[in-house]
Protein backbone atom coordinates (compact mmCIF):
# COMPACT_ATOMS: atom_id res chain seq x y z
CA MET A 1 -65.47 -23.25 96.18
CA ASP A 2 -66.16 -24.53 99.67
CA MET A 3 -63.82 -27.13 101.16
CA ARG A 4 -66.60 -29.16 102.69
CA MET A 5 -69.59 -29.92 100.50
CA PRO A 6 -72.31 -32.57 100.88
CA ILE A 7 -71.34 -34.91 98.04
CA LEU A 8 -67.84 -34.03 96.91
CA GLY A 9 -65.13 -32.33 98.96
CA GLY A 10 -63.40 -29.24 97.61
CA ILE A 11 -60.00 -30.89 97.07
CA GLU A 12 -61.55 -33.77 95.12
CA ALA A 13 -63.73 -31.39 93.10
CA GLU A 14 -60.70 -29.27 92.17
CA MET A 15 -58.72 -32.38 91.22
CA ARG A 16 -61.54 -33.46 88.90
CA LEU A 17 -61.61 -30.01 87.31
CA LYS A 18 -57.85 -30.13 86.70
CA GLU A 19 -58.04 -33.63 85.17
CA ASP A 20 -60.61 -32.64 82.55
CA PRO A 21 -59.17 -30.74 79.53
CA ALA A 22 -62.42 -28.76 79.23
CA THR A 23 -62.17 -27.44 82.82
CA LYS A 24 -58.47 -27.64 83.68
CA ASP A 25 -57.95 -23.88 83.39
CA ILE A 26 -60.80 -22.88 85.72
CA LYS A 27 -59.37 -20.82 88.58
CA VAL A 28 -60.38 -21.91 92.07
CA VAL A 29 -60.38 -19.96 95.32
CA PHE A 30 -61.38 -21.92 98.38
CA LEU A 31 -63.64 -20.25 100.90
CA THR A 32 -64.27 -22.12 104.14
CA ALA A 33 -65.86 -21.63 107.53
CA PHE A 34 -63.34 -24.00 109.09
CA SER A 35 -60.27 -22.29 110.48
CA ASP A 36 -58.62 -25.20 112.32
CA PRO A 37 -55.44 -26.03 110.36
CA ASN A 38 -55.36 -29.47 112.03
CA ASN A 39 -58.76 -30.40 110.61
CA PRO A 40 -58.17 -33.08 107.93
CA ASP A 41 -60.98 -31.61 105.81
CA ILE A 42 -59.04 -28.36 105.54
CA ASP A 43 -55.83 -29.01 103.66
CA ARG A 44 -54.52 -25.60 102.64
CA GLU A 45 -51.24 -26.95 101.31
CA LYS A 46 -52.93 -29.60 99.16
CA ALA A 47 -55.37 -27.00 97.80
CA LYS A 48 -52.53 -24.75 96.67
CA GLU A 49 -50.46 -27.71 95.47
CA ILE A 50 -53.18 -28.73 93.02
CA GLY A 51 -53.67 -25.21 91.74
CA ALA A 52 -55.95 -23.16 94.00
CA LEU A 53 -55.30 -19.44 93.76
CA ASP A 54 -56.02 -18.88 97.43
CA PHE A 55 -57.60 -20.26 100.56
CA LEU A 56 -59.84 -17.83 102.47
CA GLU A 57 -61.93 -18.09 105.61
CA LYS A 58 -65.62 -17.17 105.37
CA ASN A 59 -65.24 -14.57 108.09
CA ILE A 60 -63.34 -12.39 105.60
CA GLY A 61 -64.78 -8.91 105.28
CA LEU A 62 -66.56 -7.87 102.10
CA ASP A 63 -64.01 -5.13 101.33
CA GLU A 64 -61.07 -7.53 101.72
CA LEU A 65 -62.81 -10.22 99.65
CA THR A 66 -63.58 -7.68 96.91
CA GLU A 67 -59.96 -6.53 96.87
CA LYS A 68 -58.67 -10.11 96.65
CA VAL A 69 -61.01 -10.94 93.76
CA ARG A 70 -59.90 -7.80 91.93
CA GLY A 71 -56.31 -8.91 92.45
CA TYR A 72 -57.02 -12.38 91.02
CA LEU A 73 -58.68 -10.80 87.98
CA LYS A 74 -55.73 -8.45 87.45
CA GLN A 75 -53.32 -11.39 87.63
CA GLU A 76 -55.40 -13.26 85.06
CA SER A 77 -55.51 -10.24 82.74
CA ALA A 78 -51.76 -9.74 83.03
CA ALA A 79 -51.12 -13.42 82.28
CA LYS A 80 -53.23 -13.25 79.12
CA ILE A 81 -51.31 -10.20 77.87
CA GLU A 82 -47.95 -11.97 78.27
């Protein structure tokens, strides 16, 4: 999910997902073009605090992004087995 969207910001969208029993277990990874940690629209700590798996910048390479997604999927599979 992007952090900055036209109607609803990423943090607010994730909070709404977590509040709804039907969507509370959806896993969210933020992907943003904004890399300034002082930008109020980019709150990495808040994103992780409310349950985001990760916070990535859009300049991430395809190989690294693919590897991260595979890692998230492995974590999810391992959690289901336990």
